[in-house]
């Protein structure tokens, strides 16, 4: 099977805008008749802009908006879709005041000396899925119930899709856990999980790893079988992956707008807590972001995340996250999280 490299192909259109257009679009939200960021509106609410990546981890902020928790806190929220590569710059430029960020992106920003502050942890774990093509599954007699050790052995000599260094590193954790060297795998460099999906459907790759709901959605379409996840792979479990998503702000913004940050965090915490007991309702809310996906896919994806009762962080929690992220080679070996870059000060008291 030939190894493909799609990094130079034109990416499919999506809701995420390109580097050359993101800042004019984002800055437009902060000027003119669209209401300045952080401004007071005629209805007495204060407008703030939130950067999101449209993943399952955005559920708490989406729920907080849909259920009126932000409005009750005196806030009107505008969401801006941002890839992780642009989140830090958007936050630093005040194009967004709050960023629903992955720990990997946050750690990389902090270690580039960007003064970010984590103020809330709104999801724990890493809802990963390893999906093999239907053709590969049939050839190797793999099913959703095949033991992960047998899946890992079957992947020797195969072609995996890698849309980032992070997903390649996450696959490496799985392989090493079951005694298979990542060097036995050939990787196709692909620009996005959507490209992974297309390559799998066309049998250009045998498998790929990424966060849900993409693997489950591919399975629902009949193009593959999810053969590994955090419920079957200890290295991907909540206990071993740590934090999955945090709310980040600029340190100076938090210092000048403590009350605003506290109100925002309280609303997000209410949204997170709501997910724990109202899954059916939450599926309907997140489906507005993931239009076209089956309810069963979204429900299964939500259940792979630990939605905390409160958003408190700890040194032990960050150490677990750092250990996992280091093992994916997604941050420099010297990367660390100083105590000055995270706080529980803004949690509801």
Protein backbone atom coordinates (compact mmCIF):
# COMPACT_ATOMS: atom_id res chain seq x y z
CA UNK A 1 0.00 0.00 0.00
CA UNK A 2 1.50 3.33 -1.00
CA UNK A 3 2.11 5.94 1.67
CA UNK A 4 0.33 9.15 0.88
CA UNK A 5 1.11 12.72 1.83
CA UNK A 6 -1.84 15.06 1.63
CA UNK A 7 -0.32 17.99 3.51
CA UNK A 8 -0.10 20.09 0.32
CA UNK A 9 -3.61 19.42 -0.84
CA UNK A 10 -6.26 22.04 -0.45
CA UNK A 11 -8.11 21.47 2.78
CA UNK A 12 -11.87 21.03 2.64
CA UNK A 13 -13.99 23.98 3.57
CA UNK A 14 -14.91 24.08 7.23
CA UNK A 15 -16.11 26.41 9.91
CA UNK A 16 -12.52 27.08 10.94
CA UNK A 17 -11.05 29.98 9.02
CA UNK A 18 -7.52 30.32 7.72
CA UNK A 19 -4.64 32.21 9.34
CA UNK A 20 -4.91 35.03 6.82
CA UNK A 21 -8.56 35.65 7.64
CA UNK A 22 -9.01 34.69 11.28
CA UNK A 23 -7.86 37.92 12.85
CA UNK A 24 -9.93 40.31 10.70
CA UNK A 25 -12.97 38.13 11.44
CA UNK A 26 -12.24 37.87 15.15
CA UNK A 27 -11.36 41.53 15.52
CA UNK A 28 -14.59 42.47 13.77
CA UNK A 29 -16.42 41.02 16.74
CA UNK A 30 -14.70 43.59 18.92
CA UNK A 31 -15.54 46.73 16.97
CA UNK A 32 -18.28 48.69 15.28
CA UNK A 33 -21.92 47.82 15.63
CA UNK A 34 -21.23 44.23 16.71
CA UNK A 35 -20.52 45.43 20.26
CA UNK A 36 -17.01 45.80 21.60
CA UNK A 37 -15.57 42.85 23.46
CA UNK A 38 -16.23 43.21 27.15
CA UNK A 39 -18.70 46.02 26.52
CA UNK A 40 -22.05 46.63 28.15
CA UNK A 41 -25.06 46.06 25.91
CA UNK A 42 -28.47 47.74 25.94
CA UNK A 43 -29.95 44.70 27.67
CA UNK A 44 -27.55 45.16 30.58
CA UNK A 45 -25.40 42.17 29.67
CA UNK A 46 -21.66 42.30 29.15
CA UNK A 47 -20.40 40.76 25.91
CA UNK A 48 -17.36 38.49 26.03
CA UNK A 49 -15.85 36.43 23.23
CA UNK A 50 -14.88 32.79 23.71
CA UNK A 51 -12.53 30.76 21.54
CA UNK A 52 -13.66 27.18 20.92
CA UNK A 53 -12.33 24.35 18.76
CA UNK A 54 -15.67 22.57 18.12
CA UNK A 55 -14.77 19.38 19.93
CA UNK A 56 -16.82 17.34 22.39
CA UNK A 57 -15.00 19.25 25.14
CA UNK A 58 -16.86 22.42 24.18
CA UNK A 59 -20.04 20.91 25.64
CA UNK A 60 -19.84 22.79 28.99
CA UNK A 61 -19.68 26.25 27.39
CA UNK A 62 -22.32 25.35 24.82
CA UNK A 63 -24.61 24.06 27.57
CA UNK A 64 -23.95 27.14 29.73
CA UNK A 65 -25.07 29.30 26.83
CA UNK A 66 -28.08 27.19 25.84
CA UNK A 67 -29.38 26.86 29.41
CA UNK A 68 -29.02 30.58 30.16
CA UNK A 69 -26.25 30.28 32.76
CA UNK A 70 -24.13 32.96 31.09
CA UNK A 71 -27.11 35.27 30.83
CA UNK A 72 -27.93 34.72 34.49
CA UNK A 73 -24.34 35.73 35.25
CA UNK A 74 -24.84 38.98 33.31
CA UNK A 75 -22.87 37.81 30.27
CA UNK A 76 -23.59 37.56 26.56
CA UNK A 77 -21.19 35.12 24.88
CA UNK A 78 -19.96 35.20 21.30
CA UNK A 79 -18.19 32.02 20.15
CA UNK A 80 -15.28 32.08 17.72
CA UNK A 81 -14.08 28.85 16.09
CA UNK A 82 -10.30 28.62 16.46
CA UNK A 83 -7.84 25.85 15.67
CA UNK A 84 -5.43 25.18 18.53
CA UNK A 85 -2.60 26.80 16.56
CA UNK A 86 -4.37 30.20 16.68
CA UNK A 87 -5.87 30.11 20.17
CA UNK A 88 -2.92 31.59 22.05
CA UNK A 89 -2.51 34.46 19.58
CA UNK A 90 -6.23 35.26 19.67
CA UNK A 91 -6.21 35.34 23.47
CA UNK A 92 -3.04 37.42 23.64
CA UNK A 93 -4.43 40.00 21.18
CA UNK A 94 -7.72 40.25 23.14
CA UNK A 95 -9.60 38.96 20.10
CA UNK A 96 -11.08 36.50 22.59
CA UNK A 97 -11.22 37.00 26.33
CA UNK A 98 -11.71 33.32 27.23
CA UNK A 99 -10.27 30.27 25.54
CA UNK A 100 -11.62 26.75 25.98
CA UNK A 101 -8.22 25.17 25.54
CA UNK A 102 -6.61 21.76 25.49
CA UNK A 103 -3.90 21.23 28.12
CA UNK A 104 -1.41 20.56 25.30
CA UNK A 105 -2.04 23.95 23.68
CA UNK A 106 -1.99 25.63 27.10
CA UNK A 107 1.30 24.03 28.12
CA UNK A 108 2.92 24.97 24.82
CA UNK A 109 1.73 28.58 25.24
CA UNK A 110 3.01 28.82 28.81
CA UNK A 111 6.39 27.43 27.80
CA UNK A 112 6.62 30.05 25.06
CA UNK A 113 6.34 32.57 27.91
CA UNK A 114 2.82 33.63 26.91
CA UNK A 115 1.19 34.80 30.16
CA UNK A 116 -1.88 32.57 30.20
CA UNK A 117 -3.75 31.51 33.31
CA UNK A 118 -5.89 28.36 33.66
CA UNK A 119 -8.95 29.25 35.75
CA UNK A 120 -11.19 26.20 35.40
CA UNK A 121 -10.98 22.53 34.41
CA UNK A 122 -14.18 21.64 32.57
CA UNK A 123 -13.42 18.10 31.36
CA UNK A 124 -11.06 15.26 32.26
CA UNK A 125 -9.72 12.42 30.20
CA UNK A 126 -8.84 11.86 26.57
CA UNK A 127 -11.79 10.45 24.57
CA UNK A 128 -9.66 8.74 21.94
CA UNK A 129 -10.75 6.13 19.46
CA UNK A 130 -8.64 3.87 17.23
CA UNK A 131 -10.62 2.96 14.16
CA UNK A 132 -9.57 0.47 11.50
CA UNK A 133 -11.05 0.29 8.01
CA UNK A 134 -13.72 -2.28 7.36
CA UNK A 135 -11.39 -3.97 4.85
CA UNK A 136 -8.53 -4.16 7.37
CA UNK A 137 -10.85 -5.44 10.10
CA UNK A 138 -12.11 -8.25 7.88
CA UNK A 139 -8.60 -9.20 6.74
CA UNK A 140 -7.36 -9.42 10.33
CA UNK A 141 -10.57 -10.70 11.95
CA UNK A 142 -10.91 -7.64 14.18
CA UNK A 143 -14.13 -6.63 15.93
CA UNK A 144 -15.09 -4.10 18.55
CA UNK A 145 -14.59 -6.88 21.14
CA UNK A 146 -11.08 -7.93 20.04
CA UNK A 147 -8.62 -7.57 22.95
CA UNK A 148 -6.43 -4.46 22.53
CA UNK A 149 -3.27 -6.57 22.66
CA UNK A 150 -4.45 -8.51 19.59
CA UNK A 151 -5.37 -5.27 17.82
CA UNK A 152 -1.89 -3.86 18.45
CA UNK A 153 -0.24 -6.98 17.01
CA UNK A 154 -2.44 -6.81 13.92
CA UNK A 155 -1.24 -3.25 13.26
CA UNK A 156 2.38 -4.32 12.65
CA UNK A 157 3.34 -3.33 9.12
CA UNK A 158 0.13 -1.37 8.56
CA UNK A 159 -0.35 2.22 7.39
CA UNK A 160 -1.77 4.61 9.96
CA UNK A 161 -3.05 8.12 9.42
CA UNK A 162 -1.39 10.92 11.38
CA UNK A 163 -3.01 14.36 11.26
CA UNK A 164 -0.72 15.78 13.96
CA UNK A 165 2.27 14.91 16.13
CA UNK A 166 -0.18 14.56 19.02
CA UNK A 167 -2.36 11.87 17.42
CA UNK A 168 0.74 10.01 16.26
CA UNK A 169 2.06 10.14 19.83
CA UNK A 170 -1.27 8.93 21.22
CA UNK A 171 -1.15 5.96 18.85
CA UNK A 172 2.39 5.30 20.05
CA UNK A 173 1.18 5.06 23.65
CA UNK A 174 -1.29 2.37 22.63
CA UNK A 175 1.26 0.39 20.61
CA UNK A 176 3.98 0.45 23.27
CA UNK A 177 1.52 -0.53 25.97
CA UNK A 178 1.00 -3.83 24.16
CA UNK A 179 4.61 -4.46 23.17
CA UNK A 180 4.48 -3.22 19.57
CA UNK A 181 7.16 -0.79 18.41
CA UNK A 182 5.79 2.33 16.67
CA UNK A 183 8.69 1.87 14.23
CA UNK A 184 6.83 -1.07 12.71
CA UNK A 185 4.10 1.31 11.50
CA UNK A 186 4.19 3.40 8.33
CA UNK A 187 2.39 6.72 8.69
CA UNK A 188 0.61 8.81 6.09
CA UNK A 189 0.85 12.52 6.85
CA UNK A 190 -2.65 14.01 6.68
CA UNK A 191 -3.86 17.56 7.40
CA UNK A 192 -6.88 16.84 9.61
CA UNK A 193 -9.12 14.15 11.12
CA UNK A 194 -11.49 14.80 8.21
CA UNK A 195 -8.68 13.84 5.84
CA UNK A 196 -8.01 10.76 7.99
CA UNK A 197 -11.63 9.79 7.56
CA UNK A 198 -11.53 10.24 3.78
CA UNK A 199 -8.30 8.27 3.45
CA UNK A 200 -9.72 5.43 5.56
CA UNK A 201 -12.90 5.30 3.50
CA UNK A 202 -10.80 5.05 0.33
CA UNK A 203 -8.54 2.38 1.87
CA UNK A 204 -5.50 4.63 1.50
CA UNK A 205 -4.74 4.04 5.18
CA UNK A 206 -5.59 1.12 7.45
CA UNK A 207 -6.40 3.02 10.65
CA UNK A 208 -6.05 6.25 12.59
CA UNK A 209 -6.41 7.61 16.12
CA UNK A 210 -8.20 10.82 17.03
CA UNK A 211 -10.65 12.18 19.59
CA UNK A 212 -14.34 11.37 19.48
CA UNK A 213 -16.81 11.83 17.93
CA UNK A 214 -14.90 11.32 14.63
CA UNK A 215 -14.07 7.58 15.07
CA UNK A 216 -17.59 6.69 16.19
CA UNK A 217 -19.03 8.75 13.34
CA UNK A 218 -16.90 6.83 10.83
CA UNK A 219 -18.12 3.57 12.39
CA UNK A 220 -21.73 4.73 12.15
CA UNK A 221 -21.19 5.40 8.44
CA UNK A 222 -20.04 1.81 7.98
CA UNK A 223 -16.49 2.70 6.93
CA UNK A 224 -14.65 1.23 9.91
CA UNK A 225 -14.73 -0.32 13.36
CA UNK A 226 -13.59 1.33 16.60
CA UNK A 227 -11.31 -1.29 18.17
CA UNK A 228 -9.77 0.66 21.06
CA UNK A 229 -10.74 3.49 23.40
CA UNK A 230 -10.17 4.84 26.91
CA UNK A 231 -12.43 2.16 28.37
CA UNK A 232 -10.17 -0.62 27.05
CA UNK A 233 -6.71 1.00 26.91
CA UNK A 234 -5.31 1.86 30.37
CA UNK A 235 -2.86 4.38 28.90
CA UNK A 236 -5.80 6.39 27.54
CA UNK A 237 -7.92 6.21 30.69
CA UNK A 238 -9.00 9.25 32.70
CA UNK A 239 -6.70 8.18 35.53
CA UNK A 240 -3.66 8.26 33.25
CA UNK A 241 -4.44 11.17 30.95
CA UNK A 242 -5.46 13.84 33.49
CA UNK A 243 -7.12 17.03 32.37
CA UNK A 244 -8.88 17.10 29.02
CA UNK A 245 -9.89 20.76 28.73
CA UNK A 246 -9.35 23.97 30.66
CA UNK A 247 -10.58 27.55 30.48
CA UNK A 248 -7.67 29.95 29.94
CA UNK A 249 -7.45 33.73 30.15
CA UNK A 250 -4.64 36.25 29.98
CA UNK A 251 -3.11 36.84 33.38
CA UNK A 252 -3.53 40.61 33.13
CA UNK A 253 -7.16 40.23 32.05
CA UNK A 254 -7.92 38.13 35.13
CA UNK A 255 -6.24 40.69 37.34
CA UNK A 256 -8.27 43.56 35.93
CA UNK A 257 -11.58 41.69 35.54
CA UNK A 258 -11.73 39.33 38.51
CA UNK A 259 -15.50 39.62 38.84
CA UNK A 260 -16.03 38.91 35.16
CA UNK A 261 -13.80 35.83 35.28
CA UNK A 262 -15.56 34.57 38.39
CA UNK A 263 -18.99 34.93 36.77
CA UNK A 264 -17.82 33.19 33.60
CA UNK A 265 -16.28 30.30 35.53
CA UNK A 266 -19.44 29.87 37.62
CA UNK A 267 -21.56 29.60 34.46
CA UNK A 268 -19.19 27.05 32.90
CA UNK A 269 -19.22 25.01 36.10
CA UNK A 270 -23.01 24.98 36.02
CA UNK A 271 -22.86 23.80 32.42
CA UNK A 272 -20.44 21.02 33.31
CA UNK A 273 -22.57 19.88 36.21
CA UNK A 274 -25.69 19.85 34.01
CA UNK A 275 -24.06 17.37 31.62
CA UNK A 276 -23.70 14.81 34.39
CA UNK A 277 -27.42 14.29 34.85
CA UNK A 278 -29.05 15.38 31.60
CA UNK A 279 -27.27 13.53 28.81
CA UNK A 280 -30.27 13.32 26.47
CA UNK A 281 -30.84 17.07 26.63
CA UNK A 282 -27.11 17.75 26.18
CA UNK A 283 -27.03 15.63 23.02
CA UNK A 284 -29.57 17.99 21.50
CA UNK A 285 -27.44 20.99 22.44
CA UNK A 286 -24.12 19.70 21.08
CA UNK A 287 -25.85 18.44 17.95
CA UNK A 288 -26.15 22.08 16.90
CA UNK A 289 -22.35 22.02 16.57
CA UNK A 290 -22.07 18.46 15.20
CA UNK A 291 -24.96 18.57 12.76
CA UNK A 292 -25.46 15.35 10.86
CA UNK A 293 -24.07 13.04 13.54
CA UNK A 294 -26.28 10.36 15.08
CA UNK A 295 -27.51 10.94 18.62
CA UNK A 296 -25.95 7.62 19.64
CA UNK A 297 -22.52 8.81 18.47
CA UNK A 298 -22.75 12.05 20.44
CA UNK A 299 -24.05 10.28 23.55
CA UNK A 300 -21.21 7.73 23.46
CA UNK A 301 -18.70 10.56 22.98
CA UNK A 302 -20.05 12.54 25.93
CA UNK A 303 -19.79 9.43 28.11
CA UNK A 304 -16.08 9.06 27.38
CA UNK A 305 -15.32 12.31 29.20
CA UNK A 306 -15.30 12.76 32.96
CA UNK A 307 -17.37 15.91 33.54
CA UNK A 308 -16.20 17.12 36.98
CA UNK A 309 -18.54 18.24 39.72
CA UNK A 310 -16.30 21.26 40.18
CA UNK A 311 -13.51 22.72 38.09
CA UNK A 312 -10.79 22.67 40.71
CA UNK A 313 -7.22 21.88 39.68
CA UNK A 314 -4.30 20.46 41.66
CA UNK A 315 -0.58 19.93 41.31
CA UNK A 316 -1.16 16.17 41.10
CA UNK A 317 -3.68 16.65 38.32
CA UNK A 318 -1.29 18.79 36.31
CA UNK A 319 1.52 16.32 36.90
CA UNK A 320 -0.66 13.52 35.47
CA UNK A 321 -1.52 15.66 32.45
CA UNK A 322 2.10 16.61 31.90
CA UNK A 323 3.24 13.00 32.06
CA UNK A 324 0.67 11.94 29.48
CA UNK A 325 1.34 14.85 27.14
CA UNK A 326 5.10 14.35 27.41
CA UNK A 327 4.59 10.74 26.36
CA UNK A 328 2.92 11.92 23.13
CA UNK A 329 5.92 14.12 22.26
CA UNK A 330 3.50 17.01 21.75
CA UNK A 331 5.40 19.41 24.03
CA UNK A 332 9.13 19.97 24.66
CA UNK A 333 10.73 17.63 27.18
CA UNK A 334 11.49 20.63 29.37
CA UNK A 335 7.86 21.81 29.38
CA UNK A 336 6.35 22.45 32.80
CA UNK A 337 3.38 24.23 34.38
CA UNK A 338 4.43 26.71 37.08
CA UNK A 339 2.00 27.16 39.96
CA UNK A 340 1.60 30.79 38.89
CA UNK A 341 -0.12 29.68 35.68
CA UNK A 342 -3.15 27.97 37.20
CA UNK A 343 -5.51 28.93 39.98
CA UNK A 344 -8.74 27.94 41.73
CA UNK A 345 -9.28 31.51 42.89
CA UNK A 346 -12.23 32.11 40.56
CA UNK A 347 -14.24 29.02 41.42
CA UNK A 348 -17.61 29.62 43.09
CA UNK A 349 -17.27 29.90 46.85
